[in-house]
PDB file of N, CA and C in Angstrom:
ATOM      1  N   MET A   1       0.761  -1.014  -0.276  1.00  0.00           N
ATOM      2  CA  MET A   1       0.123  -0.030  -0.034  1.00  0.00           C
ATOM      3  C   MET A   1       0.887   1.075  -0.068  1.00  0.00           C
ATOM      4  N   ARG A   2       0.361   2.084  -1.137  1.00  0.00           N
ATOM      5  CA  ARG A   2       1.479   3.664  -1.205  1.00  0.00           C
ATOM      6  C   ARG A   2       1.239   4.230   0.575  1.00  0.00           C
ATOM      7  N   CYS A   3       2.282   5.322   0.427  1.00  0.00           N
ATOM      8  CA  CYS A   3       1.953   6.559   0.934  1.00  0.00           C
ATOM      9  C   CYS A   3       0.966   7.270   1.387  1.00  0.00           C
ATOM     10  N   ASP A   4       0.553   7.912   0.299  1.00  0.00           N
ATOM     11  CA  ASP A   4       0.429   8.657   0.084  1.00  0.00           C
ATOM     12  C   ASP A   4      -1.652   8.116   0.036  1.00  0.00           C
ATOM     13  N   GLU A   5      -1.353   6.876  -0.182  1.00  0.00           N
ATOM     14  CA  GLU A   5      -2.860   6.062   0.103  1.00  0.00           C
ATOM     15  C   GLU A   5      -3.785   6.321   1.729  1.00  0.00           C
ATOM     16  N   GLU A   6      -2.819   6.448   2.457  1.00  0.00           N
ATOM     17  CA  GLU A   6      -3.068   5.973   3.419  1.00  0.00           C
ATOM     18  C   GLU A   6      -3.559   7.618   4.345  1.00  0.00           C
ATOM     19  N   GLY A   7      -3.431   8.864   4.006  1.00  0.00           N
ATOM     20  CA  GLY A   7      -2.856   9.739   4.171  1.00  0.00           C
ATOM     21  C   GLY A   7      -1.702  10.656   4.357  1.00  0.00           C
ATOM     22  N   TYR A   8      -0.838  10.009   3.887  1.00  0.00           N
ATOM     23  CA  TYR A   8       0.434  10.198   4.336  1.00  0.00           C
ATOM     24  C   TYR A   8       1.533  11.401   2.998  1.00  0.00           C
ATOM     25  N   GLY A   9       2.437  12.050   2.788  1.00  0.00           N
ATOM     26  CA  GLY A   9       2.338  12.289   1.366  1.00  0.00           C
ATOM     27  C   GLY A   9       4.419  11.891   1.586  1.00  0.00           C
ATOM     28  N   ALA A  10       4.948  11.962   0.361  1.00  0.00           N
ATOM     29  CA  ALA A  10       6.584  11.697   0.582  1.00  0.00           C
ATOM     30  C   ALA A  10       6.956  12.796   1.401  1.00  0.00           C
ATOM     31  N   GLY A  11       6.550  14.143   0.778  1.00  0.00           N
ATOM     32  CA  GLY A  11       6.881  14.719   1.688  1.00  0.00           C
ATOM     33  C   GLY A  11       6.833  15.289   3.090  1.00  0.00           C
ATOM     34  N   SER A  12       5.847  14.620   3.900  1.00  0.00           N
ATOM     35  CA  SER A  12       5.846  14.344   4.972  1.00  0.00           C
ATOM     36  C   SER A  12       6.076  13.430   6.487  1.00  0.00           C
ATOM     37  N   LEU A  13       6.782  12.168   5.152  1.00  0.00           N
ATOM     38  CA  LEU A  13       8.129  11.218   5.729  1.00  0.00           C
ATOM     39  C   LEU A  13       8.494  11.538   5.426  1.00  0.00           C
ATOM     40  N   PHE A  14       9.503  12.451   4.878  1.00  0.00           N
ATOM     41  CA  PHE A  14      10.627  12.897   4.423  1.00  0.00           C
ATOM     42  C   PHE A  14      10.540  14.003   5.870  1.00  0.00           C
ATOM     43  N   LEU A  15       9.880  14.711   5.871  1.00  0.00           N
ATOM     44  CA  LEU A  15      10.424  15.646   7.066  1.00  0.00           C
ATOM     45  C   LEU A  15       9.799  14.920   8.428  1.00  0.00           C
ATOM     46  N   SER A  16       9.163  13.770   8.774  1.00  0.00           N
ATOM     47  CA  SER A  16       9.177  13.025   9.716  1.00  0.00           C
ATOM     48  C   SER A  16      10.628  12.162  10.113  1.00  0.00           C
ATOM     49  N   PHE A  17      10.629  11.857   8.832  1.00  0.00           N
ATOM     50  CA  PHE A  17      12.417  11.341   9.354  1.00  0.00           C
ATOM     51  C   PHE A  17      13.565  11.991   9.605  1.00  0.00           C
ATOM     52  N   VAL A  18      13.892  13.506   9.064  1.00  0.00           N
ATOM     53  CA  VAL A  18      14.896  14.353   9.184  1.00  0.00           C
ATOM     54  C   VAL A  18      14.594  14.578  10.164  1.00  0.00           C
ATOM     55  N   LEU A  19      13.057  15.669  10.390  1.00  0.00           N
ATOM     56  CA  LEU A  19      13.622  15.672  12.080  1.00  0.00           C
ATOM     57  C   LEU A  19      13.211  14.800  13.344  1.00  0.00           C
ATOM     58  N   GLY A  20      13.718  13.096  13.186  1.00  0.00           N
ATOM     59  CA  GLY A  20      13.400  12.299  13.981  1.00  0.00           C
ATOM     60  C   GLY A  20      14.941  11.979  13.891  1.00  0.00           C
ATOM     61  N   GLY A  21      15.195  12.028  12.785  1.00  0.00           N
ATOM     62  CA  GLY A  21      17.244  12.150  12.833  1.00  0.00           C
ATOM     63  C   GLY A  21      17.963  13.261  13.584  1.00  0.00           C
ATOM     64  N   LEU A  22      17.155  14.669  13.232  1.00  0.00           N
ATOM     65  CA  LEU A  22      17.737  15.552  14.819  1.00  0.00           C
ATOM     66  C   LEU A  22      17.420  15.441  15.577  1.00  0.00           C
ATOM     67  N   MET A  23      16.242  15.368  15.863  1.00  0.00           N
ATOM     68  CA  MET A  23      15.809  14.551  17.205  1.00  0.00           C
ATOM     69  C   MET A  23      17.184  13.755  18.580  1.00  0.00           C
ATOM     70  N   GLY A  24      17.009  12.754  17.214  1.00  0.00           N
ATOM     71  CA  GLY A  24      17.895  11.993  18.012  1.00  0.00           C
ATOM     72  C   GLY A  24      19.620  12.203  18.028  1.00  0.00           C
ATOM     73  N   ALA A  25      19.670  13.109  17.218  1.00  0.00           N
ATOM     74  CA  ALA A  25      21.039  13.834  17.010  1.00  0.00           C
ATOM     75  C   ALA A  25      21.146  14.415  18.865  1.00  0.00           C
ATOM     76  N   GLY A  26      20.318  15.311  18.922  1.00  0.00           N
ATOM     77  CA  GLY A  26      19.981  16.166  19.271  1.00  0.00           C
ATOM     78  C   GLY A  26      19.793  15.536  21.753  1.00  0.00           C
ATOM     79  N   VAL A  27      19.767  14.783  21.333  1.00  0.00           N
ATOM     80  CA  VAL A  27      19.941  13.365  22.449  1.00  0.00           C
ATOM     81  C   VAL A  27      20.779  13.115  22.474  1.00  0.00           C
ATOM     82  N   ALA A  28      21.548  12.800  21.257  1.00  0.00           N
ATOM     83  CA  ALA A  28      23.020  11.777  21.576  1.00  0.00           C
ATOM     84  C   ALA A  28      24.084  13.318  21.587  1.00  0.00           C
ATOM     85  N   LEU A  29      23.644  14.265  21.777  1.00  0.00           N
ATOM     86  CA  LEU A  29      24.967  15.468  22.300  1.00  0.00           C
ATOM     87  C   LEU A  29      24.413  15.543  23.835  1.00  0.00           C
ATOM     88  N   LEU A  30      23.185  15.568  24.114  1.00  0.00           N
ATOM     89  CA  LEU A  30      22.899  15.719  25.416  1.00  0.00           C
ATOM     90  C   LEU A  30      23.538  14.288  26.815  1.00  0.00           C
ATOM     91  N   LEU A  31      23.725  13.251  26.086  1.00  0.00           N
ATOM     92  CA  LEU A  31      23.455  12.400  26.232  1.00  0.00           C
ATOM     93  C   LEU A  31      25.650  12.207  25.803  1.00  0.00           C
ATOM     94  N   ALA A  32      26.251  13.111  25.330  1.00  0.00           N
ATOM     95  CA  ALA A  32      27.655  12.401  24.895  1.00  0.00           C
ATOM     96  C   ALA A  32      28.398  13.522  26.128  1.00  0.00           C
ATOM     97  N   PRO A  33      29.280  12.812  26.324  1.00  0.00           N
ATOM     98  CA  PRO A  33      30.654  13.096  27.640  1.00  0.00           C
ATOM     99  C   PRO A  33      31.403  14.235  27.035  1.00  0.00           C
ATOM    100  N   LYS A  34      30.636  15.398  27.289  1.00  0.00           N
ATOM    101  CA  LYS A  34      31.202  16.529  26.439  1.00  0.00           C
ATOM    102  C   LYS A  34      31.695  17.600  27.839  1.00  0.00           C
ATOM    103  N   SER A  35      32.023  18.161  27.222  1.00  0.00           N
ATOM    104  CA  SER A  35      32.054  20.094  28.235  1.00  0.00           C
ATOM    105  C   SER A  35      31.110  20.658  28.145  1.00  0.00           C
ATOM    106  N   GLY A  36      30.331  21.507  29.386  1.00  0.00           N
ATOM    107  CA  GLY A  36      29.014  22.659  28.882  1.00  0.00           C
ATOM    108  C   GLY A  36      28.838  22.847  27.773  1.00  0.00           C
ATOM    109  N   GLU A  37      30.221  23.472  27.568  1.00  0.00           N
ATOM    110  CA  GLU A  37      30.346  24.885  26.136  1.00  0.00           C
ATOM    111  C   GLU A  37      30.025  24.088  24.743  1.00  0.00           C
ATOM    112  N   GLU A  38      30.869  23.199  24.988  1.00  0.00           N
ATOM    113  CA  GLU A  38      30.923  22.383  23.401  1.00  0.00           C
ATOM    114  C   GLU A  38      29.656  21.590  23.097  1.00  0.00           C
ATOM    115  N   THR A  39      28.996  21.259  24.305  1.00  0.00           N
ATOM    116  CA  THR A  39      27.342  20.727  23.548  1.00  0.00           C
ATOM    117  C   THR A  39      26.780  21.402  23.760  1.00  0.00           C
ATOM    118  N   ARG A  40      26.703  23.145  24.438  1.00  0.00           N
ATOM    119  CA  ARG A  40      25.966  23.820  24.100  1.00  0.00           C
ATOM    120  C   ARG A  40      26.237  24.560  22.439  1.00  0.00           C
ATOM    121  N   ARG A  41      27.099  24.648  21.949  1.00  0.00           N
ATOM    122  CA  ARG A  41      27.894  25.399  21.031  1.00  0.00           C
ATOM    123  C   ARG A  41      26.916  24.303  20.293  1.00  0.00           C
ATOM    124  N   ARG A  42      26.960  22.633  19.998  1.00  0.00           N
ATOM    125  CA  ARG A  42      26.734  21.956  19.471  1.00  0.00           C
ATOM    126  C   ARG A  42      24.813  21.390  18.912  1.00  0.00           C
ATOM    127  N   ILE A  43      24.552  21.940  20.005  1.00  0.00           N
ATOM    128  CA  ILE A  43      23.206  21.851  20.534  1.00  0.00           C
ATOM    129  C   ILE A  43      22.145  23.659  19.313  1.00  0.00           C
ATOM    130  N   ARG A  44      23.926  24.555  19.566  1.00  0.00           N
ATOM    131  CA  ARG A  44      23.440  25.690  18.964  1.00  0.00           C
ATOM    132  C   ARG A  44      23.136  25.231  17.170  1.00  0.00           C
ATOM    133  N   GLU A  45      24.228  24.720  16.620  1.00  0.00           N
ATOM    134  CA  GLU A  45      24.063  24.636  15.554  1.00  0.00           C
ATOM    135  C   GLU A  45      23.184  23.175  15.096  1.00  0.00           C
ATOM    136  N   LEU A  46      23.345  22.744  15.799  1.00  0.00           N
ATOM    137  CA  LEU A  46      22.158  20.888  15.221  1.00  0.00           C
ATOM    138  C   LEU A  46      20.724  22.148  15.122  1.00  0.00           C
ATOM    139  N   ALA A  47      20.358  22.868  16.286  1.00  0.00           N
ATOM    140  CA  ALA A  47      19.235  24.072  16.344  1.00  0.00           C
ATOM    141  C   ALA A  47      19.164  24.652  14.852  1.00  0.00           C
ATOM    142  N   GLY A  48      19.799  25.568  14.412  1.00  0.00           N
ATOM    143  CA  GLY A  48      20.774  26.105  13.670  1.00  0.00           C
ATOM    144  C   GLY A  48      20.122  25.626  12.175  1.00  0.00           C
ATOM    145  N   ASP A  49      20.635  23.814  11.856  1.00  0.00           N
ATOM    146  CA  ASP A  49      20.458  23.326  10.952  1.00  0.00           C
ATOM    147  C   ASP A  49      18.279  22.591  11.331  1.00  0.00           C
ATOM    148  N   MET A  50      18.077  22.884  11.799  1.00  0.00           N
ATOM    149  CA  MET A  50      16.943  22.217  12.014  1.00  0.00           C
ATOM    150  C   MET A  50      15.708  23.558  11.349  1.00  0.00           C
ATOM    151  N   ARG A  51      16.743  24.787  11.720  1.00  0.00           N
ATOM    152  CA  ARG A  51      15.807  25.949  11.536  1.00  0.00           C
ATOM    153  C   ARG A  51      15.773  25.762   9.455  1.00  0.00           C
ATOM    154  N   ASP A  52      17.349  25.438   9.583  1.00  0.00           N
ATOM    155  CA  ASP A  52      17.324  25.830   7.756  1.00  0.00           C
ATOM    156  C   ASP A  52      16.370  24.792   7.387  1.00  0.00           C
ATOM    157  N   LYS A  53      16.596  23.344   7.852  1.00  0.00           N
ATOM    158  CA  LYS A  53      16.127  21.954   6.343  1.00  0.00           C
ATOM    159  C   LYS A  53      13.848  22.405   7.280  1.00  0.00           C
ATOM    160  N   ALA A  54      13.738  23.263   8.310  1.00  0.00           N
ATOM    161  CA  ALA A  54      12.656  23.432   7.663  1.00  0.00           C
ATOM    162  C   ALA A  54      11.822  24.713   7.221  1.00  0.00           C
ATOM    163  N   GLU A  55      12.815  24.930   7.427  1.00  0.00           N
ATOM    164  CA  GLU A  55      12.642  26.473   7.251  1.00  0.00           C
ATOM    165  C   GLU A  55      12.584  26.458   5.162  1.00  0.00           C
ATOM    166  N   ASP A  56      13.758  25.821   4.486  1.00  0.00           N
ATOM    167  CA  ASP A  56      13.511  24.764   3.316  1.00  0.00           C
ATOM    168  C   ASP A  56      12.566  23.975   2.831  1.00  0.00           C
ATOM    169  N   TYR A  57      12.325  23.003   3.315  1.00  0.00           N
ATOM    170  CA  TYR A  57      10.563  22.613   3.599  1.00  0.00           C
ATOM    171  C   TYR A  57       9.603  23.130   3.749  1.00  0.00           C
ATOM    172  N   VAL A  58       9.390  24.310   4.402  1.00  0.00           N
ATOM    173  CA  VAL A  58       8.341  25.250   4.298  1.00  0.00           C
ATOM    174  C   VAL A  58       8.787  25.975   3.109  1.00  0.00           C
ATOM    175  N   GLU A  59       9.907  26.068   2.680  1.00  0.00           N
ATOM    176  CA  GLU A  59       9.719  26.867   1.339  1.00  0.00           C
ATOM    177  C   GLU A  59       9.039  26.080  -0.289  1.00  0.00           C
ATOM    178  N   GLU A  60       9.708  24.856  -0.426  1.00  0.00           N
ATOM    179  CA  GLU A  60       9.177  23.984  -1.240  1.00  0.00           C
ATOM    180  C   GLU A  60       7.876  24.296  -0.936  1.00  0.00           C
ATOM    181  N   THR A  61       7.571  23.447  -0.246  1.00  0.00           N
ATOM    182  CA  THR A  61       5.829  22.801   0.512  1.00  0.00           C
ATOM    183  C   THR A  61       5.216  24.524  -0.797  1.00  0.00           C
ATOM    184  N   LYS A  62       5.501  25.450  -0.012  1.00  0.00           N
ATOM    185  CA  LYS A  62       4.716  26.742  -0.394  1.00  0.00           C
ATOM    186  C   LYS A  62       4.782  26.619  -1.903  1.00  0.00           C
ATOM    187  N   SER A  63       5.868  26.215  -2.364  1.00  0.00           N
ATOM    188  CA  SER A  63       6.116  26.484  -3.913  1.00  0.00           C
ATOM    189  C   SER A  63       5.477  25.261  -4.856  1.00  0.00           C
ATOM    190  N   LYS A  64       5.434  24.331  -4.126  1.00  0.00           N
ATOM    191  CA  LYS A  64       4.489  23.292  -5.220  1.00  0.00           C
ATOM    192  C   LYS A  64       3.184  23.675  -4.871  1.00  0.00           C
ATOM    193  N   VAL A  65       2.855  24.544  -3.468  1.00  0.00           N
ATOM    194  CA  VAL A  65       1.409  24.720  -2.993  1.00  0.00           C
ATOM    195  C   VAL A  65       1.194  25.910  -4.455  1.00  0.00           C
ATOM    196  N   MET A  66       1.033  26.872  -4.590  1.00  0.00           N
ATOM    197  CA  MET A  66       1.264  27.659  -4.871  1.00  0.00           C
ATOM    198  C   MET A  66       1.108  26.953  -7.232  1.00  0.00           C
ATOM    199  N   SER A  67       1.881  25.939  -7.131  1.00  0.00           N
ATOM    200  CA  SER A  67       1.693  25.601  -8.126  1.00  0.00           C
ATOM    201  C   SER A  67       0.666  24.818  -8.114  1.00  0.00           C
ATOM    202  N   THR A  68       0.109  24.037  -7.897  1.00  0.00           N
ATOM    203  CA  THR A  68      -1.312  23.602  -7.761  1.00  0.00           C
ATOM    204  C   THR A  68      -2.064  24.565  -7.833  1.00  0.00           C
ATOM    205  N   PHE A  69      -2.396  25.317  -6.928  1.00  0.00           N
ATOM    206  CA  PHE A  69      -3.199  25.652  -6.980  1.00  0.00           C
ATOM    207  C   PHE A  69      -3.547  26.909  -8.556  1.00  0.00           C
ATOM    208  N   GLU A  70      -2.403  26.875  -9.234  1.00  0.00           N
ATOM    209  CA  GLU A  70      -2.292  27.243 -10.002  1.00  0.00           C
ATOM    210  C   GLU A  70      -3.311  27.365 -11.106  1.00  0.00           C
ATOM    211  N   LYS A  71      -2.051  25.482 -10.798  1.00  0.00           N
ATOM    212  CA  LYS A  71      -2.790  24.173 -11.916  1.00  0.00           C
ATOM    213  C   LYS A  71      -4.757  23.985 -12.207  1.00  0.00           C
ATOM    214  N   GLY A  72      -4.853  24.297 -10.427  1.00  0.00           N
ATOM    215  CA  GLY A  72      -6.439  24.029 -10.249  1.00  0.00           C
ATOM    216  C   GLY A  72      -6.992  25.513 -10.546  1.00  0.00           C
ATOM    217  N   LYS A  73      -6.623  27.108 -11.085  1.00  0.00           N
ATOM    218  CA  LYS A  73      -7.466  27.615 -11.109  1.00  0.00           C
ATOM    219  C   LYS A  73      -7.281  27.499 -12.650  1.00  0.00           C
ATOM    220  N   GLY A  74      -6.735  27.712 -13.450  1.00  0.00           N
ATOM    221  CA  GLY A  74      -6.302  27.016 -14.862  1.00  0.00           C
ATOM    222  C   GLY A  74      -7.455  26.182 -14.949  1.00  0.00           C
ATOM    223  N   PHE A  75      -7.057  24.684 -14.530  1.00  0.00           N
ATOM    224  CA  PHE A  75      -8.750  24.211 -14.189  1.00  0.00           C
ATOM    225  C   PHE A  75     -10.169  23.978 -14.352  1.00  0.00           C
ATOM    226  N   ILE A  76      -9.931  25.016 -13.297  1.00  0.00           N
ATOM    227  CA  ILE A  76     -11.598  26.270 -12.787  1.00  0.00           C
ATOM    228  C   ILE A  76     -11.688  26.445 -14.452  1.00  0.00           C
ATOM    229  N   ASP A  77     -11.083  27.202 -13.894  1.00  0.00           N
ATOM    230  CA  ASP A  77     -11.223  28.585 -15.870  1.00  0.00           C
ATOM    231  C   ASP A  77     -11.763  27.769 -17.011  1.00  0.00           C
ATOM    232  N   GLU A  78     -11.092  26.938 -17.349  1.00  0.00           N
ATOM    233  CA  GLU A  78     -12.007  25.903 -18.160  1.00  0.00           C
ATOM    234  C   GLU A  78     -12.833  25.452 -18.336  1.00  0.00           C
ATOM    235  N   LYS A  79     -12.842  24.798 -17.498  1.00  0.00           N
ATOM    236  CA  LYS A  79     -14.072  23.985 -17.010  1.00  0.00           C
ATOM    237  C   LYS A  79     -15.306  24.925 -17.049  1.00  0.00           C
ATOM    238  N   LYS A  80     -15.225  25.783 -16.020  1.00  0.00           N
ATOM    239  CA  LYS A  80     -16.126  26.938 -16.476  1.00  0.00           C
ATOM    240  C   LYS A  80     -16.810  27.643 -17.752  1.00  0.00           C
ATOM    241  N   SER A  81     -15.279  28.680 -18.702  1.00  0.00           N
ATOM    242  CA  SER A  81     -15.553  29.034 -19.742  1.00  0.00           C
ATOM    243  C   SER A  81     -16.840  27.476 -20.666  1.00  0.00           C
ATOM    244  N   ILE A  82     -16.247  26.711 -20.632  1.00  0.00           N
ATOM    245  CA  ILE A  82     -16.843  24.562 -21.268  1.00  0.00           C
ATOM    246  C   ILE A  82     -18.475  25.132 -20.636  1.00  0.00           C
ATOM    247  N   ILE A  83     -18.438  25.176 -19.140  1.00  0.00           N
ATOM    248  CA  ILE A  83     -20.001  24.883 -18.739  1.00  0.00           C
ATOM    249  C   ILE A  83     -20.569  26.513 -19.190  1.00  0.00           C
ATOM    250  N   THR A  84     -19.806  27.499 -19.272  1.00  0.00           N
ATOM    251  CA  THR A  84     -20.902  29.039 -19.803  1.00  0.00           C
ATOM    252  C   THR A  84     -21.585  28.672 -21.256  1.00  0.00           C
ATOM    253  N   THR A  85     -20.367  28.137 -21.880  1.00  0.00           N
ATOM    254  CA  THR A  85     -21.029  27.966 -23.852  1.00  0.00           C
ATOM    255  C   THR A  85     -22.419  26.977 -23.434  1.00  0.00           C
ATOM    256  N   ALA A  86     -22.044  25.909 -22.461  1.00  0.00           N
ATOM    257  CA  ALA A  86     -22.775  24.125 -22.961  1.00  0.00           C
ATOM    258  C   ALA A  86     -24.678  25.931 -22.221  1.00  0.00           C
ATOM    259  N   VAL A  87     -24.218  26.175 -21.332  1.00  0.00           N
ATOM    260  CA  VAL A  87     -25.879  27.023 -20.521  1.00  0.00           C
ATOM    261  C   VAL A  87     -26.091  27.991 -22.190  1.00  0.00           C
ATOM    262  N   GLU A  88     -25.376  28.994 -22.445  1.00  0.00           N
ATOM    263  CA  GLU A  88     -25.407  29.967 -23.694  1.00  0.00           C
ATOM    264  C   GLU A  88     -26.431  28.855 -25.112  1.00  0.00           C
ATOM    265  N   ALA A  89     -25.790  27.812 -24.775  1.00  0.00           N
ATOM    266  CA  ALA A  89     -26.404  26.624 -26.480  1.00  0.00           C
ATOM    267  C   ALA A  89     -27.801  26.293 -25.244  1.00  0.00           C
ATOM    268  N   GLY A  90     -27.701  26.175 -24.103  1.00  0.00           N
ATOM    269  CA  GLY A  90     -28.954  25.807 -23.329  1.00  0.00           C
ATOM    270  C   GLY A  90     -30.591  26.979 -23.896  1.00  0.00           C
ATOM    271  N   ARG A  91     -29.748  28.038 -23.500  1.00  0.00           N
ATOM    272  CA  ARG A  91     -30.506  29.108 -23.782  1.00  0.00           C
ATOM    273  C   ARG A  91     -31.113  29.234 -24.999  1.00  0.00           C
ATOM    274  N   GLU A  92     -29.670  29.413 -25.594  1.00  0.00           N
ATOM    275  CA  GLU A  92     -30.513  29.336 -27.173  1.00  0.00           C
ATOM    276  C   GLU A  92     -31.832  28.389 -28.087  1.00  0.00           C
ATOM    277  N   ALA A  93     -31.071  27.421 -27.608  1.00  0.00           N
ATOM    278  CA  ALA A  93     -31.775  26.412 -27.903  1.00  0.00           C
ATOM    279  C   ALA A  93     -33.293  26.376 -27.853  1.00  0.00           C
ATOM    280  N   TYR A  94     -33.774  26.551 -26.092  1.00  0.00           N
ATOM    281  CA  TYR A  94     -34.932  27.054 -25.572  1.00  0.00           C
ATOM    282  C   TYR A  94     -35.419  28.244 -26.023  1.00  0.00           C
ATOM    283  N   GLU A  95     -35.120  29.106 -26.386  1.00  0.00           N
ATOM    284  CA  GLU A  95     -35.380  31.159 -27.311  1.00  0.00           C
ATOM    285  C   GLU A  95     -35.838  29.784 -28.395  1.00  0.00           C
ATOM    286  N   LYS A  96     -35.460  28.778 -28.750  1.00  0.00           N
ATOM    287  CA  LYS A  96     -35.778  28.310 -30.557  1.00  0.00           C
ATOM    288  C   LYS A  96     -37.046  28.200 -30.908  1.00  0.00           C
ATOM    289  N   GLU A  97     -36.820  26.869 -28.949  1.00  0.00           N
ATOM    290  CA  GLU A  97     -38.239  26.014 -29.417  1.00  0.00           C
ATOM    291  C   GLU A  97     -39.452  26.525 -28.774  1.00  0.00           C
ATOM    292  N   LYS A  98     -39.187  27.792 -28.336  1.00  0.00           N
ATOM    293  CA  LYS A  98     -40.276  28.495 -27.446  1.00  0.00           C
ATOM    294  C   LYS A  98     -40.810  29.210 -28.816  1.00  0.00           C
ATOM    295  N   GLU A  99     -39.771  29.833 -29.512  1.00  0.00           N
ATOM    296  CA  GLU A  99     -40.067  30.238 -30.979  1.00  0.00           C
ATOM    297  C   GLU A  99     -41.209  29.414 -32.131  1.00  0.00           C
ATOM    298  N   ARG A 100     -40.470  28.616 -32.148  1.00  0.00           N
ATOM    299  CA  ARG A 100     -41.477  27.383 -33.154  1.00  0.00           C
ATOM    300  C   ARG A 100     -42.609  26.697 -32.058  1.00  0.00           C
ATOM    301  N   LEU A 101     -42.878  26.648 -31.106  1.00  0.00           N
ATOM    302  CA  LEU A 101     -44.221  26.754 -30.443  1.00  0.00           C
ATOM    303  C   LEU A 101     -45.205  27.446 -30.758  1.00  0.00           C
ATOM    304  N   ALA A 102     -44.747  29.758 -30.698  1.00  0.00           N
ATOM    305  CA  ALA A 102     -45.595  29.896 -30.386  1.00  0.00           C
ATOM    306  C   ALA A 102     -45.714  30.178 -32.121  1.00  0.00           C
ATOM    307  N   LYS A 103     -45.004  29.784 -32.657  1.00  0.00           N
ATOM    308  CA  LYS A 103     -45.386  29.834 -34.602  1.00  0.00           C
ATOM    309  C   LYS A 103     -46.378  28.892 -34.560  1.00  0.00           C
ATOM    310  N   GLU A 104     -46.882  27.770 -34.035  1.00  0.00           N
ATOM    311  CA  GLU A 104     -47.020  26.662 -34.750  1.00  0.00           C
ATOM    312  C   GLU A 104     -48.623  27.410 -33.467  1.00  0.00           C
ATOM    313  N   HIS A 105     -48.845  27.707 -32.503  1.00  0.00           N
ATOM    314  CA  HIS A 105     -50.118  28.227 -32.203  1.00  0.00           C
ATOM    315  C   HIS A 105     -50.665  29.377 -32.610  1.00  0.00           C
TER     316      HIS A 105
END
């Protein structure tokens, strides 16, 4: 069974994997036998890496959402045009039939 069939996209699974790995690295840093200053420095670096990766993911997701939105908007505009044309054709057919029936009576 595919991930997207279960409600999870590839992006969310990737993000979960990255965040889980970074959290695991953070725990390893806290438990490592290092000096307090070195541990704090490494945690700051790790936090900066997490922030950068999260910002990259947000930008990538935002770009994908906007692309999908634009495609959807184009699809809707196309279908709206088709529906408008069909309604106009129906209206014209109705008017012609109405005129034809009026002439018969």
